[in-house]
Amino acid sequence: MWFVIPITVMLLSNNVMAFSNFGHEVICQVAYELSEPQTQRFIDNIIKDDDKVKVVSFASYKQRKYIGDFAKGCTWPDVVRKTTHRETDQYHYMNVPKGAVFDHQRDCTENNCVTQAIQRYGMDLNDKTVNATNRKEALFFVGHFIADLHQPLHVGNTEDKGGNTIRVFAKQTDKKLTSLHWIWDKHVPDYAGLNKANTISTLVEQLRVLDKKSWQTTTPIDWAKESHQLAKQYVYALPDGKELMSEQVITDAYYQRAKPIIKQRFKQAAVRLANLLDLAAKGELTMAFFR
């Protein structure tokens, strides 16, 4: 079985992407580099257990030589959500009614949302009795969904579908509208310089010397709360405090304010993913991790 991401991925609509391909690859590769040596062997063995991962990715060509098979596979869930794994489509996000306080029980409809997906596939990854193909899929889903959960609009407003129906201009000279969701998937990370060839090595170097305990002791539900709060405070609001509306121009001031936020979310996602992978590799991932 080969997991192939074909060129048609570039033709998919914005609302099926998250952090674009390069963002997912960066987060997963950084997590891999941060994980323990035995975890890296665990990951490598899962991927090569019955085949190799063949992924054609176009978004991060500057970084191709730095990307391993695990990181490439982390982009796979965005394709199969509309093809072979349609049941996973709603696992990429959760929505909160506009103006409401985050309520996991209410907002994770029928337990089919991103936090529950991380739990479900995380436990599959931890379980040695799960067959090779399903365990490999679990590895890619966990890597992908943890990144998704750290993009603020993956816990955005129900009414605008996480910013997908808010159409804005990415810059003053643009004549074509794009979704606010895509602004945070692609334009904000680009503005923050997270698409550069040295992004992975830079993040790994910074994170190796950082005290990461406070990030590692939180749960996926906490990560969702963080994203929702960031969405309310910074994504849907302009720097002057006014509400961002459709057909407005995203200004340099907006991007400047977003820059440190998105950098931190990339780092948090990588650290938390590495922690989950380390636990799963030792068979020590329990339900307590998710609550």
C-alpha atoms as a PDB file:
ATOM      1  CA  MET A   1       0.000   0.000   0.000  1.00  0.00           C
ATOM      2  CA  TRP A   2       1.389   3.389  -1.010  1.00  0.00           C
ATOM      3  CA  PHE A   3       0.246   6.715   0.406  1.00  0.00           C
ATOM      4  CA  VAL A   4       0.508   9.029  -2.585  1.00  0.00           C
ATOM      5  CA  ILE A   5      -0.250  12.726  -2.499  1.00  0.00           C
ATOM      6  CA  PRO A   6      -0.758  13.612  -6.162  1.00  0.00           C
ATOM      7  CA  ILE A   7      -0.462  16.937  -7.876  1.00  0.00           C
ATOM      8  CA  THR A   8      -4.210  17.428  -7.494  1.00  0.00           C
ATOM      9  CA  VAL A   9      -3.559  18.412  -3.883  1.00  0.00           C
ATOM     10  CA  MET A  10      -2.717  21.853  -5.229  1.00  0.00           C
ATOM     11  CA  LEU A  11      -6.196  22.102  -6.714  1.00  0.00           C
ATOM     12  CA  LEU A  12      -8.051  21.400  -3.495  1.00  0.00           C
ATOM     13  CA  SER A  13     -10.061  24.226  -1.992  1.00  0.00           C
ATOM     14  CA  ASN A  14      -8.589  26.192   0.886  1.00  0.00           C
ATOM     15  CA  ASN A  15     -10.900  24.786   3.504  1.00  0.00           C
ATOM     16  CA  VAL A  16      -9.426  21.302   3.212  1.00  0.00           C
ATOM     17  CA  MET A  17      -5.900  22.465   3.999  1.00  0.00           C
ATOM     18  CA  ALA A  18      -4.301  23.375   7.315  1.00  0.00           C
ATOM     19  CA  PHE A  19      -0.966  25.163   7.732  1.00  0.00           C
ATOM     20  CA  SER A  20      -0.476  24.108   4.064  1.00  0.00           C
ATOM     21  CA  ASN A  21       1.862  21.220   3.324  1.00  0.00           C
ATOM     22  CA  PHE A  22       5.041  22.884   4.489  1.00  0.00           C
ATOM     23  CA  GLY A  23       3.600  23.716   7.908  1.00  0.00           C
ATOM     24  CA  HIS A  24       2.662  20.114   8.592  1.00  0.00           C
ATOM     25  CA  GLU A  25       6.023  18.908   7.355  1.00  0.00           C
ATOM     26  CA  VAL A  26       7.917  21.393   9.521  1.00  0.00           C
ATOM     27  CA  ILE A  27       5.996  20.544  12.692  1.00  0.00           C
ATOM     28  CA  CYS A  28       6.341  16.784  12.196  1.00  0.00           C
ATOM     29  CA  GLN A  29      10.017  16.943  11.274  1.00  0.00           C
ATOM     30  CA  VAL A  30      10.821  19.145  14.274  1.00  0.00           C
ATOM     31  CA  ALA A  31       8.897  16.747  16.523  1.00  0.00           C
ATOM     32  CA  TYR A  32      10.878  13.839  15.058  1.00  0.00           C
ATOM     33  CA  GLU A  33      14.182  15.622  15.738  1.00  0.00           C
ATOM     34  CA  LEU A  34      13.127  16.420  19.312  1.00  0.00           C
ATOM     35  CA  SER A  35      11.972  12.894  20.093  1.00  0.00           C
ATOM     36  CA  GLU A  36      14.145  10.310  21.808  1.00  0.00           C
ATOM     37  CA  PRO A  37      16.368   8.016  19.664  1.00  0.00           C
ATOM     38  CA  GLN A  38      14.215   4.998  20.488  1.00  0.00           C
ATOM     39  CA  THR A  39      11.153   6.970  19.359  1.00  0.00           C
ATOM     40  CA  GLN A  40      12.800   7.761  16.041  1.00  0.00           C
ATOM     41  CA  ARG A  41      13.484   4.059  15.540  1.00  0.00           C
ATOM     42  CA  PHE A  42       9.868   3.328  16.503  1.00  0.00           C
ATOM     43  CA  ILE A  43       8.613   5.764  13.865  1.00  0.00           C
ATOM     44  CA  ASP A  44      11.004   4.508  11.201  1.00  0.00           C
ATOM     45  CA  ASN A  45       9.986   0.904  11.825  1.00  0.00           C
ATOM     46  CA  ILE A  46       6.277   1.695  11.552  1.00  0.00           C
ATOM     47  CA  ILE A  47       6.761   3.487   8.255  1.00  0.00           C
ATOM     48  CA  LYS A  48       8.891   0.789   6.645  1.00  0.00           C
ATOM     49  CA  ASP A  49       7.059  -2.150   8.224  1.00  0.00           C
ATOM     50  CA  ASP A  50       5.189  -3.150   5.083  1.00  0.00           C
ATOM     51  CA  ASP A  51       6.069  -0.470   2.542  1.00  0.00           C
ATOM     52  CA  LYS A  52       7.512   2.968   2.096  1.00  0.00           C
ATOM     53  CA  VAL A  53       5.676   6.251   2.055  1.00  0.00           C
ATOM     54  CA  LYS A  54       5.666   7.850  -1.340  1.00  0.00           C
ATOM     55  CA  VAL A  55       4.636  11.465  -1.076  1.00  0.00           C
ATOM     56  CA  VAL A  56       4.753  14.115  -3.762  1.00  0.00           C
ATOM     57  CA  SER A  57       4.760  17.465  -1.992  1.00  0.00           C
ATOM     58  CA  PHE A  58       5.065  20.843  -3.653  1.00  0.00           C
ATOM     59  CA  ALA A  59       4.636  23.415  -0.901  1.00  0.00           C
ATOM     60  CA  SER A  60       8.040  23.077   0.760  1.00  0.00           C
ATOM     61  CA  TYR A  61      10.440  22.428  -2.076  1.00  0.00           C
ATOM     62  CA  LYS A  62      13.102  24.572  -0.368  1.00  0.00           C
ATOM     63  CA  GLN A  63      13.201  22.074   2.463  1.00  0.00           C
ATOM     64  CA  ARG A  64      12.954  18.773   0.580  1.00  0.00           C
ATOM     65  CA  LYS A  65      16.339  17.428   1.661  1.00  0.00           C
ATOM     66  CA  TYR A  66      15.511  18.069   5.308  1.00  0.00           C
ATOM     67  CA  ILE A  67      12.186  16.212   5.282  1.00  0.00           C
ATOM     68  CA  GLY A  68      11.878  12.573   6.266  1.00  0.00           C
ATOM     69  CA  ASP A  69       9.146  10.089   5.391  1.00  0.00           C
ATOM     70  CA  PHE A  70       7.240  10.711   8.619  1.00  0.00           C
ATOM     71  CA  ALA A  71       7.001  14.443   7.962  1.00  0.00           C
ATOM     72  CA  LYS A  72       5.899  13.862   4.379  1.00  0.00           C
ATOM     73  CA  GLY A  73       3.238  11.465   5.590  1.00  0.00           C
ATOM     74  CA  CYS A  74       1.855  14.142   7.904  1.00  0.00           C
ATOM     75  CA  THR A  75       0.370  15.884   4.846  1.00  0.00           C
ATOM     76  CA  TRP A  76      -1.490  12.758   3.732  1.00  0.00           C
ATOM     77  CA  PRO A  77      -4.626  13.228   5.941  1.00  0.00           C
ATOM     78  CA  ASP A  78      -5.589  16.416   4.069  1.00  0.00           C
ATOM     79  CA  VAL A  79      -5.984  14.436   0.836  1.00  0.00           C
ATOM     80  CA  VAL A  80      -7.723  11.307   2.073  1.00  0.00           C
ATOM     81  CA  ARG A  81     -10.336  13.272   4.041  1.00  0.00           C
ATOM     82  CA  LYS A  82     -12.045  13.892   0.699  1.00  0.00           C
ATOM     83  CA  THR A  83     -11.293  10.535  -0.917  1.00  0.00           C
ATOM     84  CA  THR A  84     -10.601   7.208   0.806  1.00  0.00           C
ATOM     85  CA  HIS A  85     -11.114   8.362   4.418  1.00  0.00           C
ATOM     86  CA  ARG A  86     -14.129  10.641   4.201  1.00  0.00           C
ATOM     87  CA  GLU A  87     -15.135   9.718   7.743  1.00  0.00           C
ATOM     88  CA  THR A  88     -12.113  11.698   9.002  1.00  0.00           C
ATOM     89  CA  ASP A  89     -13.165  15.004   7.436  1.00  0.00           C
ATOM     90  CA  GLN A  90     -14.649  16.405  10.639  1.00  0.00           C
ATOM     91  CA  TYR A  91     -11.682  15.223  12.710  1.00  0.00           C
ATOM     92  CA  HIS A  92      -9.551  18.165  11.569  1.00  0.00           C
ATOM     93  CA  TYR A  93     -11.314  20.846  13.600  1.00  0.00           C
ATOM     94  CA  MET A  94     -13.963  21.822  16.094  1.00  0.00           C
ATOM     95  CA  ASN A  95     -16.150  24.911  16.000  1.00  0.00           C
ATOM     96  CA  VAL A  96     -17.472  27.109  18.803  1.00  0.00           C
ATOM     97  CA  PRO A  97     -20.568  29.341  18.559  1.00  0.00           C
ATOM     98  CA  LYS A  98     -19.537  32.963  18.104  1.00  0.00           C
ATOM     99  CA  GLY A  99     -19.279  34.772  21.422  1.00  0.00           C
ATOM    100  CA  ALA A 100     -19.614  31.551  23.443  1.00  0.00           C
ATOM    101  CA  VAL A 101     -17.199  30.213  26.013  1.00  0.00           C
ATOM    102  CA  PHE A 102     -15.377  27.075  24.880  1.00  0.00           C
ATOM    103  CA  ASP A 103     -17.256  23.972  26.026  1.00  0.00           C
ATOM    104  CA  HIS A 104     -15.658  20.716  24.903  1.00  0.00           C
ATOM    105  CA  GLN A 105     -18.727  18.597  25.569  1.00  0.00           C
ATOM    106  CA  ARG A 106     -20.889  20.886  23.437  1.00  0.00           C
ATOM    107  CA  ASP A 107     -18.329  21.733  20.756  1.00  0.00           C
ATOM    108  CA  CYS A 108     -17.012  18.243  20.046  1.00  0.00           C
ATOM    109  CA  THR A 109     -20.128  16.953  18.305  1.00  0.00           C
ATOM    110  CA  GLU A 110     -20.719  13.254  18.958  1.00  0.00           C
ATOM    111  CA  ASN A 111     -17.039  12.992  19.958  1.00  0.00           C
ATOM    112  CA  ASN A 112     -16.066  13.434  16.296  1.00  0.00           C
ATOM    113  CA  CYS A 113     -13.653  16.336  16.420  1.00  0.00           C
ATOM    114  CA  VAL A 114      -9.932  17.010  16.421  1.00  0.00           C
ATOM    115  CA  THR A 115      -9.315  16.412  20.143  1.00  0.00           C
ATOM    116  CA  GLN A 116     -11.062  13.055  20.091  1.00  0.00           C
ATOM    117  CA  ALA A 117      -9.249  12.096  16.893  1.00  0.00           C
ATOM    118  CA  ILE A 118      -5.900  12.738  18.578  1.00  0.00           C
ATOM    119  CA  GLN A 119      -6.992  10.489  21.433  1.00  0.00           C
ATOM    120  CA  ARG A 120      -8.329   7.777  19.138  1.00  0.00           C
ATOM    121  CA  TYR A 121      -5.298   7.580  16.864  1.00  0.00           C
ATOM    122  CA  GLY A 122      -2.861   8.197  19.696  1.00  0.00           C
ATOM    123  CA  MET A 123      -4.120   5.091  21.483  1.00  0.00           C
ATOM    124  CA  ASP A 124      -3.965   3.092  18.233  1.00  0.00           C
ATOM    125  CA  LEU A 125      -0.339   4.152  17.844  1.00  0.00           C
ATOM    126  CA  ASN A 126       0.356   3.055  21.411  1.00  0.00           C
ATOM    127  CA  ASP A 127      -1.257  -0.358  20.860  1.00  0.00           C
ATOM    128  CA  LYS A 128       1.153  -2.999  19.562  1.00  0.00           C
ATOM    129  CA  THR A 129      -1.729  -5.284  18.593  1.00  0.00           C
ATOM    130  CA  VAL A 130      -3.008  -2.820  15.946  1.00  0.00           C
ATOM    131  CA  ASN A 131      -2.088  -3.993  12.449  1.00  0.00           C
ATOM    132  CA  ALA A 132       0.767  -2.347  10.546  1.00  0.00           C
ATOM    133  CA  THR A 133      -1.335  -0.348   8.095  1.00  0.00           C
ATOM    134  CA  ASN A 134      -3.671   1.068  10.736  1.00  0.00           C
ATOM    135  CA  ARG A 135      -0.792   1.927  13.011  1.00  0.00           C
ATOM    136  CA  LYS A 136       0.962   3.787  10.218  1.00  0.00           C
ATOM    137  CA  GLU A 137      -2.203   5.713   9.453  1.00  0.00           C
ATOM    138  CA  ALA A 138      -2.524   6.495  13.170  1.00  0.00           C
ATOM    139  CA  LEU A 139       1.013   7.909  13.150  1.00  0.00           C
ATOM    140  CA  PHE A 140       0.236  10.255  10.265  1.00  0.00           C
ATOM    141  CA  PHE A 141      -3.156  11.257  11.652  1.00  0.00           C
ATOM    142  CA  VAL A 142      -1.729  12.104  15.075  1.00  0.00           C
ATOM    143  CA  GLY A 143       1.035  14.204  13.536  1.00  0.00           C
ATOM    144  CA  HIS A 144      -1.422  16.016  11.306  1.00  0.00           C
ATOM    145  CA  PHE A 145      -4.178  16.609  13.844  1.00  0.00           C
ATOM    146  CA  ILE A 146      -1.900  17.978  16.553  1.00  0.00           C
ATOM    147  CA  ALA A 147      -0.687  20.567  14.046  1.00  0.00           C
ATOM    148  CA  ASP A 148      -4.272  21.333  13.019  1.00  0.00           C
ATOM    149  CA  LEU A 149      -5.297  21.908  16.615  1.00  0.00           C
ATOM    150  CA  HIS A 150      -2.600  24.563  17.024  1.00  0.00           C
ATOM    151  CA  GLN A 151      -3.912  26.644  14.112  1.00  0.00           C
ATOM    152  CA  PRO A 152      -6.329  28.993  15.945  1.00  0.00           C
ATOM    153  CA  LEU A 153      -9.066  28.821  13.319  1.00  0.00           C
ATOM    154  CA  HIS A 154      -9.352  25.062  13.723  1.00  0.00           C
ATOM    155  CA  VAL A 155     -11.202  26.049  16.876  1.00  0.00           C
ATOM    156  CA  GLY A 156     -12.923  29.022  15.284  1.00  0.00           C
ATOM    157  CA  ASN A 157     -16.497  30.225  15.021  1.00  0.00           C
ATOM    158  CA  THR A 158     -19.242  27.873  13.919  1.00  0.00           C
ATOM    159  CA  GLU A 159     -20.998  30.634  11.973  1.00  0.00           C
ATOM    160  CA  ASP A 160     -18.075  31.306   9.603  1.00  0.00           C
ATOM    161  CA  LYS A 161     -16.778  27.712   9.534  1.00  0.00           C
ATOM    162  CA  GLY A 162     -13.500  28.563  11.194  1.00  0.00           C
ATOM    163  CA  GLY A 163     -12.896  31.651   9.087  1.00  0.00           C
ATOM    164  CA  ASN A 164     -13.556  29.916   5.780  1.00  0.00           C
ATOM    165  CA  THR A 165     -16.512  32.121   4.826  1.00  0.00           C
ATOM    166  CA  ILE A 166     -14.774  35.371   5.791  1.00  0.00           C
ATOM    167  CA  ARG A 167     -13.175  36.553   2.549  1.00  0.00           C
ATOM    168  CA  VAL A 168     -10.386  39.123   2.779  1.00  0.00           C
ATOM    169  CA  PHE A 169      -7.522  40.588   0.762  1.00  0.00           C
ATOM    170  CA  ALA A 170      -4.142  39.180   1.797  1.00  0.00           C
ATOM    171  CA  LYS A 171      -2.483  42.499   0.969  1.00  0.00           C
ATOM    172  CA  GLN A 172      -3.366  45.956  -0.320  1.00  0.00           C
ATOM    173  CA  THR A 173      -2.470  45.182  -3.935  1.00  0.00           C
ATOM    174  CA  ASP A 174      -4.505  41.966  -4.122  1.00  0.00           C
ATOM    175  CA  LYS A 175      -7.556  41.973  -6.356  1.00  0.00           C
ATOM    176  CA  LYS A 176      -8.685  38.488  -5.402  1.00  0.00           C
ATOM    177  CA  LEU A 177     -10.309  37.594  -2.099  1.00  0.00           C
ATOM    178  CA  THR A 178      -9.106  34.653  -0.036  1.00  0.00           C
ATOM    179  CA  SER A 179     -10.449  33.088   3.138  1.00  0.00           C
ATOM    180  CA  LEU A 180      -9.310  34.230   6.554  1.00  0.00           C
ATOM    181  CA  HIS A 181      -8.628  30.568   7.273  1.00  0.00           C
ATOM    182  CA  TRP A 182      -6.102  30.421   4.433  1.00  0.00           C
ATOM    183  CA  ILE A 183      -4.481  33.616   5.700  1.00  0.00           C
ATOM    184  CA  TRP A 184      -3.593  31.717   8.879  1.00  0.00           C
ATOM    185  CA  ASP A 185      -2.778  28.468   7.092  1.00  0.00           C
ATOM    186  CA  LYS A 186      -0.309  30.026   4.666  1.00  0.00           C
ATOM    187  CA  HIS A 187       0.147  33.802   4.652  1.00  0.00           C
ATOM    188  CA  VAL A 188       0.795  34.302   8.369  1.00  0.00           C
ATOM    189  CA  PRO A 189       3.382  31.478   8.585  1.00  0.00           C
ATOM    190  CA  ASP A 190       5.046  32.828   5.427  1.00  0.00           C
ATOM    191  CA  TYR A 191       5.172  36.323   6.921  1.00  0.00           C
ATOM    192  CA  ALA A 192       6.733  34.861  10.072  1.00  0.00           C
ATOM    193  CA  GLY A 193       9.476  33.267   7.969  1.00  0.00           C
ATOM    194  CA  LEU A 194       8.436  29.719   8.753  1.00  0.00           C
ATOM    195  CA  ASN A 195       8.758  28.648   5.107  1.00  0.00           C
ATOM    196  CA  LYS A 196      12.515  29.157   4.911  1.00  0.00           C
ATOM    197  CA  ALA A 197      14.988  26.361   4.195  1.00  0.00           C
ATOM    198  CA  ASN A 198      16.541  26.673   7.666  1.00  0.00           C
ATOM    199  CA  THR A 199      13.232  26.750   9.557  1.00  0.00           C
ATOM    200  CA  ILE A 200      13.505  23.186  10.861  1.00  0.00           C
ATOM    201  CA  SER A 201      17.067  23.465  12.142  1.00  0.00           C
ATOM    202  CA  THR A 202      16.320  26.851  13.699  1.00  0.00           C
ATOM    203  CA  LEU A 203      13.249  25.619  15.559  1.00  0.00           C
ATOM    204  CA  VAL A 204      15.010  22.463  16.749  1.00  0.00           C
ATOM    205  CA  GLU A 205      17.947  24.512  18.048  1.00  0.00           C
ATOM    206  CA  GLN A 206      15.647  26.925  19.874  1.00  0.00           C
ATOM    207  CA  LEU A 207      13.500  24.170  21.380  1.00  0.00           C
ATOM    208  CA  ARG A 208      16.378  22.013  22.608  1.00  0.00           C
ATOM    209  CA  VAL A 209      17.364  24.695  25.127  1.00  0.00           C
ATOM    210  CA  LEU A 210      13.829  25.743  26.060  1.00  0.00           C
ATOM    211  CA  ASP A 211      12.106  24.637  29.258  1.00  0.00           C
ATOM    212  CA  LYS A 212       9.181  22.775  27.689  1.00  0.00           C
ATOM    213  CA  LYS A 213       7.540  21.264  30.772  1.00  0.00           C
ATOM    214  CA  SER A 214       4.631  23.704  30.893  1.00  0.00           C
ATOM    215  CA  TRP A 215       3.731  22.807  27.298  1.00  0.00           C
ATOM    216  CA  GLN A 216       4.099  19.068  27.892  1.00  0.00           C
ATOM    217  CA  THR A 217       1.821  18.843  30.915  1.00  0.00           C
ATOM    218  CA  THR A 218      -1.302  20.131  29.161  1.00  0.00           C
ATOM    219  CA  THR A 219      -3.952  18.094  27.332  1.00  0.00           C
ATOM    220  CA  PRO A 220      -5.439  18.300  23.821  1.00  0.00           C
ATOM    221  CA  ILE A 221      -8.501  19.944  25.347  1.00  0.00           C
ATOM    222  CA  ASP A 222      -6.209  22.622  26.802  1.00  0.00           C
ATOM    223  CA  TRP A 223      -4.629  23.097  23.361  1.00  0.00           C
ATOM    224  CA  ALA A 224      -8.100  23.592  21.891  1.00  0.00           C
ATOM    225  CA  LYS A 225      -8.914  26.211  24.525  1.00  0.00           C
ATOM    226  CA  GLU A 226      -5.666  28.018  23.686  1.00  0.00           C
ATOM    227  CA  SER A 227      -6.524  28.112  19.990  1.00  0.00           C
ATOM    228  CA  HIS A 228     -10.041  29.327  20.621  1.00  0.00           C
ATOM    229  CA  GLN A 229      -8.801  32.136  22.850  1.00  0.00           C
ATOM    230  CA  LEU A 230      -6.197  33.170  20.282  1.00  0.00           C
ATOM    231  CA  ALA A 231      -8.833  33.136  17.547  1.00  0.00           C
ATOM    232  CA  LYS A 232     -11.104  35.426  19.541  1.00  0.00           C
ATOM    233  CA  GLN A 233      -8.372  37.785  20.678  1.00  0.00           C
ATOM    234  CA  TYR A 234      -6.123  38.026  17.642  1.00  0.00           C
ATOM    235  CA  VAL A 235      -7.557  36.324  14.544  1.00  0.00           C
ATOM    236  CA  TYR A 236     -11.061  37.776  14.405  1.00  0.00           C
ATOM    237  CA  ALA A 237      -9.961  41.155  15.797  1.00  0.00           C
ATOM    238  CA  LEU A 238      -7.982  43.895  14.115  1.00  0.00           C
ATOM    239  CA  PRO A 239      -5.067  45.551  15.941  1.00  0.00           C
ATOM    240  CA  ASP A 240      -7.338  48.489  16.817  1.00  0.00           C
ATOM    241  CA  GLY A 241      -9.758  46.121  18.545  1.00  0.00           C
ATOM    242  CA  LYS A 242     -12.451  46.252  15.869  1.00  0.00           C
ATOM    243  CA  GLU A 243     -13.922  43.077  14.423  1.00  0.00           C
ATOM    244  CA  LEU A 244     -12.354  41.847  11.200  1.00  0.00           C
ATOM    245  CA  MET A 245     -14.955  41.830   8.442  1.00  0.00           C
ATOM    246  CA  SER A 246     -15.147  40.339   4.957  1.00  0.00           C
ATOM    247  CA  GLU A 247     -13.528  42.300   2.113  1.00  0.00           C
ATOM    248  CA  GLN A 248     -11.084  44.067   4.415  1.00  0.00           C
ATOM    249  CA  VAL A 249      -7.348  44.175   3.697  1.00  0.00           C
ATOM    250  CA  ILE A 250      -5.005  42.285   6.013  1.00  0.00           C
ATOM    251  CA  THR A 251      -2.526  44.971   7.022  1.00  0.00           C
ATOM    252  CA  ASP A 252       1.122  44.788   7.977  1.00  0.00           C
ATOM    253  CA  ALA A 253       0.116  45.624  11.548  1.00  0.00           C
ATOM    254  CA  TYR A 254      -2.135  42.556  11.604  1.00  0.00           C
ATOM    255  CA  TYR A 255       0.672  40.333  10.312  1.00  0.00           C
ATOM    256  CA  GLN A 256       3.169  41.806  12.764  1.00  0.00           C
ATOM    257  CA  ARG A 257       0.907  40.990  15.680  1.00  0.00           C
ATOM    258  CA  ALA A 258       0.282  37.491  14.335  1.00  0.00           C
ATOM    259  CA  LYS A 259       3.963  36.688  13.787  1.00  0.00           C
ATOM    260  CA  PRO A 260       4.976  35.700  17.364  1.00  0.00           C
ATOM    261  CA  ILE A 261       1.674  33.868  17.837  1.00  0.00           C
ATOM    262  CA  ILE A 262       2.134  31.558  14.885  1.00  0.00           C
ATOM    263  CA  LYS A 263       5.782  30.925  15.737  1.00  0.00           C
ATOM    264  CA  GLN A 264       4.815  29.824  19.216  1.00  0.00           C
ATOM    265  CA  ARG A 265       2.003  27.611  17.926  1.00  0.00           C
ATOM    266  CA  PHE A 266       4.432  25.819  15.597  1.00  0.00           C
ATOM    267  CA  LYS A 267       6.801  25.261  18.509  1.00  0.00           C
ATOM    268  CA  GLN A 268       4.080  24.100  20.886  1.00  0.00           C
ATOM    269  CA  ALA A 269       2.686  21.674  18.322  1.00  0.00           C
ATOM    270  CA  ALA A 270       6.117  20.132  17.713  1.00  0.00           C
ATOM    271  CA  VAL A 271       6.930  19.798  21.410  1.00  0.00           C
ATOM    272  CA  ARG A 272       3.567  18.248  22.253  1.00  0.00           C
ATOM    273  CA  LEU A 273       3.699  15.875  19.311  1.00  0.00           C
ATOM    274  CA  ALA A 274       7.207  14.751  20.296  1.00  0.00           C
ATOM    275  CA  ASN A 275       6.001  14.109  23.842  1.00  0.00           C
ATOM    276  CA  LEU A 276       3.072  11.983  22.656  1.00  0.00           C
ATOM    277  CA  LEU A 277       5.340  10.029  20.310  1.00  0.00           C
ATOM    278  CA  ASP A 278       7.863   9.361  23.077  1.00  0.00           C
ATOM    279  CA  LEU A 279       5.131   7.958  25.298  1.00  0.00           C
ATOM    280  CA  ALA A 280       3.599   5.841  22.517  1.00  0.00           C
ATOM    281  CA  ALA A 281       6.999   4.434  21.560  1.00  0.00           C
ATOM    282  CA  LYS A 282       7.383   3.103  25.118  1.00  0.00           C
ATOM    283  CA  GLY A 283       3.771   1.913  25.280  1.00  0.00           C
ATOM    284  CA  GLU A 284       3.149   4.405  28.085  1.00  0.00           C
ATOM    285  CA  LEU A 285       0.501   6.599  26.478  1.00  0.00           C
ATOM    286  CA  THR A 286      -2.639   6.356  28.622  1.00  0.00           C
ATOM    287  CA  MET A 287      -6.049   8.006  28.699  1.00  0.00           C
ATOM    288  CA  ALA A 288      -4.734  10.334  31.418  1.00  0.00           C
ATOM    289  CA  PHE A 289      -2.752  12.144  28.713  1.00  0.00           C
ATOM    290  CA  PHE A 290      -5.964  13.305  27.063  1.00  0.00           C
ATOM    291  CA  ARG A 291      -7.940  14.451  30.120  1.00  0.00           C
END
